C-alpha atoms as a PDB file:
ATOM      1  CA  MET A   1     -23.567 -96.284  27.125  1.00  0.00           C
ATOM      2  CA  SER A   2     -25.423 -97.565  24.141  1.00  0.00           C
ATOM      3  CA  LEU A   3     -24.184 -98.272  21.098  1.00  0.00           C
ATOM      4  CA  THR A   4     -26.156 -95.554  19.622  1.00  0.00           C
ATOM      5  CA  ARG A   5     -25.334 -93.170  21.290  1.00  0.00           C
ATOM      6  CA  LEU A   6     -21.687 -93.715  21.351  1.00  0.00           C
ATOM      7  CA  SER A   7     -22.358 -94.114  18.019  1.00  0.00           C
ATOM      8  CA  ALA A   8     -23.859 -90.438  17.220  1.00  0.00           C
ATOM      9  CA  ILE A   9     -21.577 -88.734  19.533  1.00  0.00           C
ATOM     10  CA  VAL A  10     -18.777 -90.099  17.226  1.00  0.00           C
ATOM     11  CA  LEU A  11     -20.677 -88.817  14.335  1.00  0.00           C
ATOM     12  CA  VAL A  12     -21.306 -85.552  15.812  1.00  0.00           C
ATOM     13  CA  GLY A  13     -17.182 -85.913  16.585  1.00  0.00           C
ATOM     14  CA  LEU A  14     -16.168 -86.692  12.760  1.00  0.00           C
ATOM     15  CA  MET A  15     -18.912 -83.783  11.258  1.00  0.00           C
ATOM     16  CA  ALA A  16     -16.903 -80.998  13.619  1.00  0.00           C
ATOM     17  CA  ILE A  17     -13.173 -81.794  12.042  1.00  0.00           C
ATOM     18  CA  VAL A  18     -14.533 -82.090   8.885  1.00  0.00           C
ATOM     19  CA  ALA A  19     -16.468 -78.720   9.729  1.00  0.00           C
ATOM     20  CA  SER A  20     -13.403 -77.209  10.581  1.00  0.00           C
ATOM     21  CA  GLY A  21     -11.445 -78.587   8.154  1.00  0.00           C
ATOM     22  CA  ALA A  22     -13.793 -76.816   5.500  1.00  0.00           C
ATOM     23  CA  GLN A  23     -12.898 -73.295   7.416  1.00  0.00           C
ATOM     24  CA  THR A  24      -9.924 -73.421   6.185  1.00  0.00           C
ATOM     25  CA  PRO A  25      -9.679 -71.568   2.589  1.00  0.00           C
ATOM     26  CA  GLY A  26      -7.734 -73.294  -0.072  1.00  0.00           C
ATOM     27  CA  GLU A  27      -5.342 -72.761  -3.029  1.00  0.00           C
ATOM     28  CA  ASP A  28      -8.673 -71.804  -5.053  1.00  0.00           C
ATOM     29  CA  ALA A  29      -9.301 -69.219  -2.719  1.00  0.00           C
ATOM     30  CA  ALA A  30      -5.938 -67.989  -2.763  1.00  0.00           C
ATOM     31  CA  ARG A  31      -5.665 -67.080  -6.270  1.00  0.00           C
ATOM     32  CA  GLY A  32      -9.042 -65.398  -6.098  1.00  0.00           C
ATOM     33  CA  ALA A  33      -7.127 -63.338  -3.488  1.00  0.00           C
ATOM     34  CA  VAL A  34      -4.651 -62.667  -5.879  1.00  0.00           C
ATOM     35  CA  GLU A  35      -6.737 -62.113  -8.810  1.00  0.00           C
ATOM     36  CA  SER A  36      -8.873 -59.624  -6.682  1.00  0.00           C
ATOM     37  CA  PHE A  37      -5.938 -57.552  -5.513  1.00  0.00           C
ATOM     38  CA  GLY A  38      -4.569 -57.524  -8.816  1.00  0.00           C
ATOM     39  CA  ARG A  39      -8.091 -56.283 -10.595  1.00  0.00           C
ATOM     40  CA  GLY A  40      -8.366 -53.520  -7.731  1.00  0.00           C
ATOM     41  CA  LEU A  41      -4.844 -52.347  -8.196  1.00  0.00           C
ATOM     42  CA  THR A  42      -5.056 -52.247 -12.178  1.00  0.00           C
ATOM     43  CA  GLY A  43      -8.500 -51.137 -11.924  1.00  0.00           C
ATOM     44  CA  GLY A  44      -7.943 -48.501  -9.386  1.00  0.00           C
ATOM     45  CA  ASP A  45     -10.942 -49.564  -7.411  1.00  0.00           C
ATOM     46  CA  LEU A  46     -10.061 -50.192  -3.504  1.00  0.00           C
ATOM     47  CA  SER A  47     -13.312 -51.938  -2.966  1.00  0.00           C
ATOM     48  CA  LEU A  48     -11.964 -54.874  -4.239  1.00  0.00           C
ATOM     49  CA  ILE A  49      -8.754 -55.081  -2.267  1.00  0.00           C
ATOM     50  CA  ARG A  50     -10.385 -53.835   1.252  1.00  0.00           C
ATOM     51  CA  PRO A  51     -11.961 -57.286   2.194  1.00  0.00           C
ATOM     52  CA  LEU A  52      -8.340 -58.811   1.511  1.00  0.00           C
ATOM     53  CA  LEU A  53      -7.228 -56.485   4.737  1.00  0.00           C
ATOM     54  CA  PRO A  54      -7.126 -58.139   8.135  1.00  0.00           C
ATOM     55  CA  GLN A  55     -10.009 -56.452  10.689  1.00  0.00           C
ATOM     56  CA  LYS A  56      -7.348 -57.046  13.694  1.00  0.00           C
ATOM     57  CA  GLY A  57      -3.688 -56.691  13.192  1.00  0.00           C
ATOM     58  CA  LYS A  58      -1.423 -55.214  10.713  1.00  0.00           C
ATOM     59  CA  VAL A  59       0.103 -55.718   7.390  1.00  0.00           C
ATOM     60  CA  GLN A  60       3.655 -55.897   6.946  1.00  0.00           C
ATOM     61  CA  LEU A  61       4.668 -53.462   4.030  1.00  0.00           C
ATOM     62  CA  ASN A  62       8.356 -53.288   2.383  1.00  0.00           C
ATOM     63  CA  LEU A  63       7.111 -50.763  -0.480  1.00  0.00           C
ATOM     64  CA  VAL A  64       9.148 -48.731  -2.896  1.00  0.00           C
ATOM     65  CA  LEU A  65       7.193 -47.087  -5.800  1.00  0.00           C
ATOM     66  CA  LEU A  66       3.872 -47.900  -4.581  1.00  0.00           C
ATOM     67  CA  GLY A  67       4.521 -46.144  -1.491  1.00  0.00           C
ATOM     68  CA  PRO A  68       7.640 -45.313  -0.581  1.00  0.00           C
ATOM     69  CA  GLU A  69       6.655 -47.326   2.886  1.00  0.00           C
ATOM     70  CA  ARG A  70       7.993 -49.207   5.183  1.00  0.00           C
ATOM     71  CA  GLY A  71       6.579 -51.381   8.647  1.00  0.00           C
ATOM     72  CA  SER A  72       3.686 -52.593  10.107  1.00  0.00           C
ATOM     73  CA  PHE A  73       0.394 -51.006   9.349  1.00  0.00           C
ATOM     74  CA  SER A  74      -3.529 -50.973  10.171  1.00  0.00           C
ATOM     75  CA  ALA A  75      -6.105 -52.107   7.302  1.00  0.00           C
ATOM     76  CA  SER A  76      -7.033 -48.904   7.159  1.00  0.00           C
ATOM     77  CA  GLN A  77      -3.353 -47.022   6.487  1.00  0.00           C
ATOM     78  CA  VAL A  78      -2.716 -49.700   4.042  1.00  0.00           C
ATOM     79  CA  GLU A  79      -5.782 -48.839   2.494  1.00  0.00           C
ATOM     80  CA  ALA A  80      -4.941 -45.332   2.323  1.00  0.00           C
ATOM     81  CA  LEU A  81      -1.307 -45.375   0.780  1.00  0.00           C
ATOM     82  CA  LEU A  82      -2.564 -47.141  -2.244  1.00  0.00           C
ATOM     83  CA  ARG A  83      -5.372 -44.835  -2.610  1.00  0.00           C
ATOM     84  CA  ASP A  84      -2.556 -42.260  -2.306  1.00  0.00           C
ATOM     85  CA  PHE A  85      -0.543 -43.972  -5.159  1.00  0.00           C
ATOM     86  CA  LEU A  86      -3.267 -44.831  -7.296  1.00  0.00           C
ATOM     87  CA  ALA A  87      -4.494 -40.909  -7.470  1.00  0.00           C
ATOM     88  CA  GLN A  88      -1.348 -39.958  -8.947  1.00  0.00           C
ATOM     89  CA  GLY A  89      -0.522 -43.517 -10.290  1.00  0.00           C
ATOM     90  CA  SER A  90      -1.330 -46.146 -11.798  1.00  0.00           C
ATOM     91  CA  VAL A  91      -1.114 -50.011 -12.273  1.00  0.00           C
ATOM     92  CA  GLN A  92      -0.831 -50.675 -16.386  1.00  0.00           C
ATOM     93  CA  LYS A  93      -0.317 -55.223 -15.421  1.00  0.00           C
ATOM     94  CA  PHE A  94      -0.759 -57.135 -12.778  1.00  0.00           C
ATOM     95  CA  GLU A  95       0.178 -60.922 -13.879  1.00  0.00           C
ATOM     96  CA  SER A  96       0.307 -63.286 -11.339  1.00  0.00           C
ATOM     97  CA  THR A  97       2.826 -65.851 -11.725  1.00  0.00           C
ATOM     98  CA  ARG A  98       2.792 -67.989  -8.331  1.00  0.00           C
ATOM     99  CA  VAL A  99       0.175 -68.617  -5.679  1.00  0.00           C
ATOM    100  CA  GLU A 100       1.430 -71.450  -3.218  1.00  0.00           C
ATOM    101  CA  HIS A 101      -0.477 -72.679   0.088  1.00  0.00           C
ATOM    102  CA  ASP A 102       0.264 -74.177   2.879  1.00  0.00           C
ATOM    103  CA  PRO A 103      -2.645 -75.835   4.384  1.00  0.00           C
ATOM    104  CA  ASN A 104      -1.331 -75.259   7.801  1.00  0.00           C
ATOM    105  CA  GLY A 105      -2.099 -71.680   7.526  1.00  0.00           C
ATOM    106  CA  ILE A 106      -0.621 -69.359   4.691  1.00  0.00           C
ATOM    107  CA  ALA A 107      -0.465 -68.357   1.350  1.00  0.00           C
ATOM    108  CA  LEU A 108       2.212 -67.027  -1.444  1.00  0.00           C
ATOM    109  CA  ALA A 109       1.815 -64.865  -4.228  1.00  0.00           C
ATOM    110  CA  SER A 110       3.791 -63.276  -6.488  1.00  0.00           C
ATOM    111  CA  ALA A 111       3.301 -61.126  -8.889  1.00  0.00           C
ATOM    112  CA  ARG A 112       4.798 -58.933 -12.072  1.00  0.00           C
ATOM    113  CA  LEU A 113       3.203 -55.176 -12.216  1.00  0.00           C
ATOM    114  CA  ASP A 114       4.105 -52.293 -14.972  1.00  0.00           C
ATOM    115  CA  VAL A 115       3.445 -49.719 -13.332  1.00  0.00           C
ATOM    116  CA  THR A 116       3.707 -45.891 -13.773  1.00  0.00           C
ATOM    117  CA  ASP A 117       4.755 -43.846 -10.395  1.00  0.00           C
ATOM    118  CA  LYS A 118       3.742 -40.712  -9.367  1.00  0.00           C
ATOM    119  CA  GLN A 119       6.083 -38.735 -10.924  1.00  0.00           C
ATOM    120  CA  GLY A 120       5.271 -40.195 -14.523  1.00  0.00           C
ATOM    121  CA  ARG A 121       8.108 -42.816 -14.763  1.00  0.00           C
ATOM    122  CA  SER A 122       7.427 -46.184 -15.875  1.00  0.00           C
ATOM    123  CA  ALA A 123       8.871 -49.324 -14.004  1.00  0.00           C
ATOM    124  CA  ALA A 124       8.310 -53.076 -14.063  1.00  0.00           C
ATOM    125  CA  ILE A 125       8.327 -54.174 -10.359  1.00  0.00           C
ATOM    126  CA  ASP A 126       7.652 -57.785  -8.891  1.00  0.00           C
ATOM    127  CA  LEU A 127       4.970 -58.057  -6.057  1.00  0.00           C
ATOM    128  CA  HIS A 128       5.187 -60.833  -2.781  1.00  0.00           C
ATOM    129  CA  LEU A 129       1.833 -61.146  -0.950  1.00  0.00           C
ATOM    130  CA  ALA A 130       1.665 -63.484   1.948  1.00  0.00           C
ATOM    131  CA  PHE A 131      -1.393 -64.216   2.972  1.00  0.00           C
ATOM    132  CA  GLN A 132      -3.250 -65.953   6.422  1.00  0.00           C
ATOM    133  CA  PRO A 133      -6.378 -67.248   6.671  1.00  0.00           C
ATOM    134  CA  ASP A 134      -8.964 -65.504   8.717  1.00  0.00           C
ATOM    135  CA  GLY A 135     -12.629 -67.825   8.763  1.00  0.00           C
ATOM    136  CA  GLN A 136     -13.427 -68.478   5.114  1.00  0.00           C
ATOM    137  CA  GLN A 137     -10.955 -66.026   3.309  1.00  0.00           C
ATOM    138  CA  TRP A 138      -7.170 -65.122   2.849  1.00  0.00           C
ATOM    139  CA  VAL A 139      -6.221 -61.953   4.501  1.00  0.00           C
ATOM    140  CA  LEU A 140      -2.986 -59.880   3.471  1.00  0.00           C
ATOM    141  CA  ARG A 141      -0.202 -59.432   5.983  1.00  0.00           C
ATOM    142  CA  GLU A 142       2.890 -58.606   4.186  1.00  0.00           C
ATOM    143  CA  ILE A 143       3.212 -57.216   0.850  1.00  0.00           C
ATOM    144  CA  ARG A 144       6.790 -56.480  -0.660  1.00  0.00           C
ATOM    145  CA  GLU A 145       7.911 -54.894  -3.684  1.00  0.00           C
ATOM    146  CA  THR A 146      11.046 -55.768  -5.704  1.00  0.00           C
ATOM    147  CA  ARG A 147      12.565 -54.009  -8.896  1.00  0.00           C
ATOM    148  CA  ARG A 148      12.671 -56.121 -11.665  1.00  0.00           C
END
């Protein structure tokens, strides 16, 4: 094998490694996903949340005021649950308090929310989100709510 051909093979291999690493979304993308989720909730605009839901697999939910629901749900079910909440309740404040990203495939986020539930009662909750990479973006795999 000639040195030129070997160099070309090595170069193609290195380009493939670099390209595959570029396909994993980073911390900026994770922060953007969290911000989009928050804007979707506060603005009642599920079109901002829909791209964050997985096309395959389920999202684990543990919701008290935003649900109540607990279990594994498809993207369309999550969207329907959030739509149902937003039809009678609202999120006045979504403040991201933490976003962490692990290059091996997970991003975790926490946020503080001020909500008005379906019965018109105000409450402060913490929301914990877990994301998994799907190509160039992060998709939600868990939404967990806790009271403050």
